[in-house]
Amino acid sequence: MTIKEAQEEVDNWIKTIGVRYFNELTNMTILTEEVGELARIMARKYGEQSFKESDKGRDLGDEMADVLWVLICLANQTGVDLTTALERNIAKKTNRDISRHKENEKLK
């Protein structure tokens, strides 16, 4: 699935099953909540925190997909073409950081 197809599929789902989009501020809050859930799983799986009973069985990929879902909703609501935005962002980072990371002693 391409990013464009994902944006179209989420939009179709919202309009046929979800009734309508939550407003942008609500979705921004939901995005923050979903990132927090992802962070909790990352901290337990890769960090030093132990799993709580309520966190056991949570799927890292599913948590990432929840973040992506809400981000796509926000993009759809605000008219952002994520494919174009990502392509521009990669170009920006490439131009800005062409030698920066190679010269970073901390990364060697």
C-alpha atoms as a PDB file:
ATOM      1  CA  MET A   1       0.000   0.000   0.000  1.00  0.00           C
ATOM      2  CA  THR A   2       1.364   3.410  -0.906  1.00  0.00           C
ATOM      3  CA  ILE A   3       1.028   6.426   1.337  1.00  0.00           C
ATOM      4  CA  LYS A   4      -1.522   7.881  -1.112  1.00  0.00           C
ATOM      5  CA  GLU A   5      -3.535   4.655  -0.988  1.00  0.00           C
ATOM      6  CA  ALA A   6      -3.378   4.705   2.817  1.00  0.00           C
ATOM      7  CA  GLN A   7      -4.701   8.267   2.876  1.00  0.00           C
ATOM      8  CA  GLU A   8      -7.527   7.266   0.546  1.00  0.00           C
ATOM      9  CA  GLU A   9      -8.363   4.120   2.529  1.00  0.00           C
ATOM     10  CA  VAL A  10      -8.457   5.951   5.856  1.00  0.00           C
ATOM     11  CA  ASP A  11     -10.633   8.671   4.309  1.00  0.00           C
ATOM     12  CA  ASN A  12     -13.030   6.061   2.923  1.00  0.00           C
ATOM     13  CA  TRP A  13     -13.178   4.266   6.290  1.00  0.00           C
ATOM     14  CA  ILE A  14     -13.888   7.497   8.143  1.00  0.00           C
ATOM     15  CA  LYS A  15     -16.683   8.425   5.735  1.00  0.00           C
ATOM     16  CA  THR A  16     -18.338   4.984   5.661  1.00  0.00           C
ATOM     17  CA  ILE A  17     -17.694   3.464   9.095  1.00  0.00           C
ATOM     18  CA  GLY A  18     -16.430   6.259  11.308  1.00  0.00           C
ATOM     19  CA  VAL A  19     -19.233   8.666  10.308  1.00  0.00           C
ATOM     20  CA  ARG A  20     -16.945  11.723  10.252  1.00  0.00           C
ATOM     21  CA  TYR A  21     -13.514  12.930  11.296  1.00  0.00           C
ATOM     22  CA  PHE A  22     -13.026  14.156  14.838  1.00  0.00           C
ATOM     23  CA  ASN A  23     -11.987  17.791  14.715  1.00  0.00           C
ATOM     24  CA  GLU A  24      -8.317  18.602  14.255  1.00  0.00           C
ATOM     25  CA  LEU A  25      -7.649  19.456  17.887  1.00  0.00           C
ATOM     26  CA  THR A  26      -9.289  16.249  19.066  1.00  0.00           C
ATOM     27  CA  ASN A  27      -7.197  14.250  16.595  1.00  0.00           C
ATOM     28  CA  MET A  28      -4.044  16.079  17.716  1.00  0.00           C
ATOM     29  CA  THR A  29      -4.831  15.046  21.279  1.00  0.00           C
ATOM     30  CA  ILE A  30      -5.509  11.462  20.184  1.00  0.00           C
ATOM     31  CA  LEU A  31      -2.182  11.454  18.298  1.00  0.00           C
ATOM     32  CA  THR A  32      -0.392  12.542  21.462  1.00  0.00           C
ATOM     33  CA  GLU A  33      -2.135   9.791  23.418  1.00  0.00           C
ATOM     34  CA  GLU A  34      -1.204   7.162  20.830  1.00  0.00           C
ATOM     35  CA  VAL A  35       2.441   8.297  20.806  1.00  0.00           C
ATOM     36  CA  GLY A  36       2.414   7.944  24.593  1.00  0.00           C
ATOM     37  CA  GLU A  37       1.137   4.372  24.316  1.00  0.00           C
ATOM     38  CA  LEU A  38       3.873   3.592  21.795  1.00  0.00           C
ATOM     39  CA  ALA A  39       6.476   5.174  24.071  1.00  0.00           C
ATOM     40  CA  ARG A  40       5.300   3.071  27.011  1.00  0.00           C
ATOM     41  CA  ILE A  41       5.743  -0.159  25.047  1.00  0.00           C
ATOM     42  CA  MET A  42       9.151   0.968  23.723  1.00  0.00           C
ATOM     43  CA  ALA A  43      10.306   1.839  27.258  1.00  0.00           C
ATOM     44  CA  ARG A  44       9.294  -1.588  28.497  1.00  0.00           C
ATOM     45  CA  LYS A  45      10.582  -3.605  25.556  1.00  0.00           C
ATOM     46  CA  TYR A  46      13.835  -1.742  24.857  1.00  0.00           C
ATOM     47  CA  GLY A  47      14.326   0.394  27.952  1.00  0.00           C
ATOM     48  CA  GLU A  48      14.738  -0.347  31.599  1.00  0.00           C
ATOM     49  CA  GLN A  49      11.101  -0.435  32.675  1.00  0.00           C
ATOM     50  CA  SER A  50       9.438  -3.758  33.350  1.00  0.00           C
ATOM     51  CA  PHE A  51       6.130  -4.697  31.757  1.00  0.00           C
ATOM     52  CA  LYS A  52       2.988  -4.053  33.760  1.00  0.00           C
ATOM     53  CA  GLU A  53       0.314  -6.709  33.545  1.00  0.00           C
ATOM     54  CA  SER A  54      -1.835  -4.342  31.475  1.00  0.00           C
ATOM     55  CA  ASP A  55       0.994  -3.888  28.922  1.00  0.00           C
ATOM     56  CA  LYS A  56       1.643  -7.577  28.336  1.00  0.00           C
ATOM     57  CA  GLY A  57       0.477  -8.744  24.948  1.00  0.00           C
ATOM     58  CA  ARG A  58       0.468  -5.244  23.419  1.00  0.00           C
ATOM     59  CA  ASP A  59       1.778  -5.324  19.888  1.00  0.00           C
ATOM     60  CA  LEU A  60       4.455  -2.784  18.950  1.00  0.00           C
ATOM     61  CA  GLY A  61       3.393  -2.751  15.299  1.00  0.00           C
ATOM     62  CA  ASP A  62      -0.222  -2.154  16.254  1.00  0.00           C
ATOM     63  CA  GLU A  63       0.793   0.791  18.436  1.00  0.00           C
ATOM     64  CA  MET A  64       2.801   2.254  15.538  1.00  0.00           C
ATOM     65  CA  ALA A  65      -0.159   1.744  13.219  1.00  0.00           C
ATOM     66  CA  ASP A  66      -2.403   3.632  15.666  1.00  0.00           C
ATOM     67  CA  VAL A  67       0.004   6.595  15.468  1.00  0.00           C
ATOM     68  CA  LEU A  68       0.090   6.386  11.680  1.00  0.00           C
ATOM     69  CA  TRP A  69      -3.711   6.183  11.461  1.00  0.00           C
ATOM     70  CA  VAL A  70      -4.256   9.404  13.393  1.00  0.00           C
ATOM     71  CA  LEU A  71      -1.426  11.159  11.543  1.00  0.00           C
ATOM     72  CA  ILE A  72      -3.103  10.202   8.257  1.00  0.00           C
ATOM     73  CA  CYS A  73      -6.420  11.534   9.589  1.00  0.00           C
ATOM     74  CA  LEU A  74      -4.775  14.851  10.391  1.00  0.00           C
ATOM     75  CA  ALA A  75      -3.138  14.983   6.957  1.00  0.00           C
ATOM     76  CA  ASN A  76      -6.466  14.298   5.263  1.00  0.00           C
ATOM     77  CA  GLN A  77      -8.233  16.934   7.324  1.00  0.00           C
ATOM     78  CA  THR A  78      -5.644  19.610   6.645  1.00  0.00           C
ATOM     79  CA  GLY A  79      -5.097  18.857   2.963  1.00  0.00           C
ATOM     80  CA  VAL A  80      -1.561  17.522   3.331  1.00  0.00           C
ATOM     81  CA  ASP A  81      -0.377  15.040   0.693  1.00  0.00           C
ATOM     82  CA  LEU A  82       1.925  12.920   2.844  1.00  0.00           C
ATOM     83  CA  THR A  83       3.788  11.484  -0.153  1.00  0.00           C
ATOM     84  CA  THR A  84       4.786  14.948  -1.349  1.00  0.00           C
ATOM     85  CA  ALA A  85       5.504  16.122   2.187  1.00  0.00           C
ATOM     86  CA  LEU A  86       7.758  13.125   2.880  1.00  0.00           C
ATOM     87  CA  GLU A  87       9.611  13.523  -0.422  1.00  0.00           C
ATOM     88  CA  ARG A  88      10.285  17.198   0.355  1.00  0.00           C
ATOM     89  CA  ASN A  89      11.317  16.343   3.912  1.00  0.00           C
ATOM     90  CA  ILE A  90      13.816  13.710   2.738  1.00  0.00           C
ATOM     91  CA  ALA A  91      15.295  16.194   0.242  1.00  0.00           C
ATOM     92  CA  LYS A  92      15.555  18.837   2.983  1.00  0.00           C
ATOM     93  CA  LYS A  93      17.320  16.456   5.357  1.00  0.00           C
ATOM     94  CA  THR A  94      19.627  15.208   2.600  1.00  0.00           C
ATOM     95  CA  ASN A  95      20.713  18.732   1.650  1.00  0.00           C
ATOM     96  CA  ARG A  96      21.096  19.830   5.253  1.00  0.00           C
ATOM     97  CA  ASP A  97      22.847  16.735   6.567  1.00  0.00           C
ATOM     98  CA  ILE A  98      24.855  15.554   3.539  1.00  0.00           C
ATOM     99  CA  SER A  99      28.061  15.338   5.595  1.00  0.00           C
ATOM    100  CA  ARG A 100      26.927  16.216   9.119  1.00  0.00           C
ATOM    101  CA  HIS A 101      26.395  12.667  10.357  1.00  0.00           C
ATOM    102  CA  LYS A 102      29.509  11.304   8.639  1.00  0.00           C
ATOM    103  CA  GLU A 103      31.565  13.925  10.454  1.00  0.00           C
ATOM    104  CA  ASN A 104      29.934  13.302  13.853  1.00  0.00           C
ATOM    105  CA  GLU A 105      32.529  11.627  16.073  1.00  0.00           C
ATOM    106  CA  LYS A 106      29.766  10.249  18.302  1.00  0.00           C
ATOM    107  CA  LEU A 107      28.479   8.126  15.417  1.00  0.00           C
ATOM    108  CA  LYS A 108      31.812   6.530  14.548  1.00  0.00           C
END
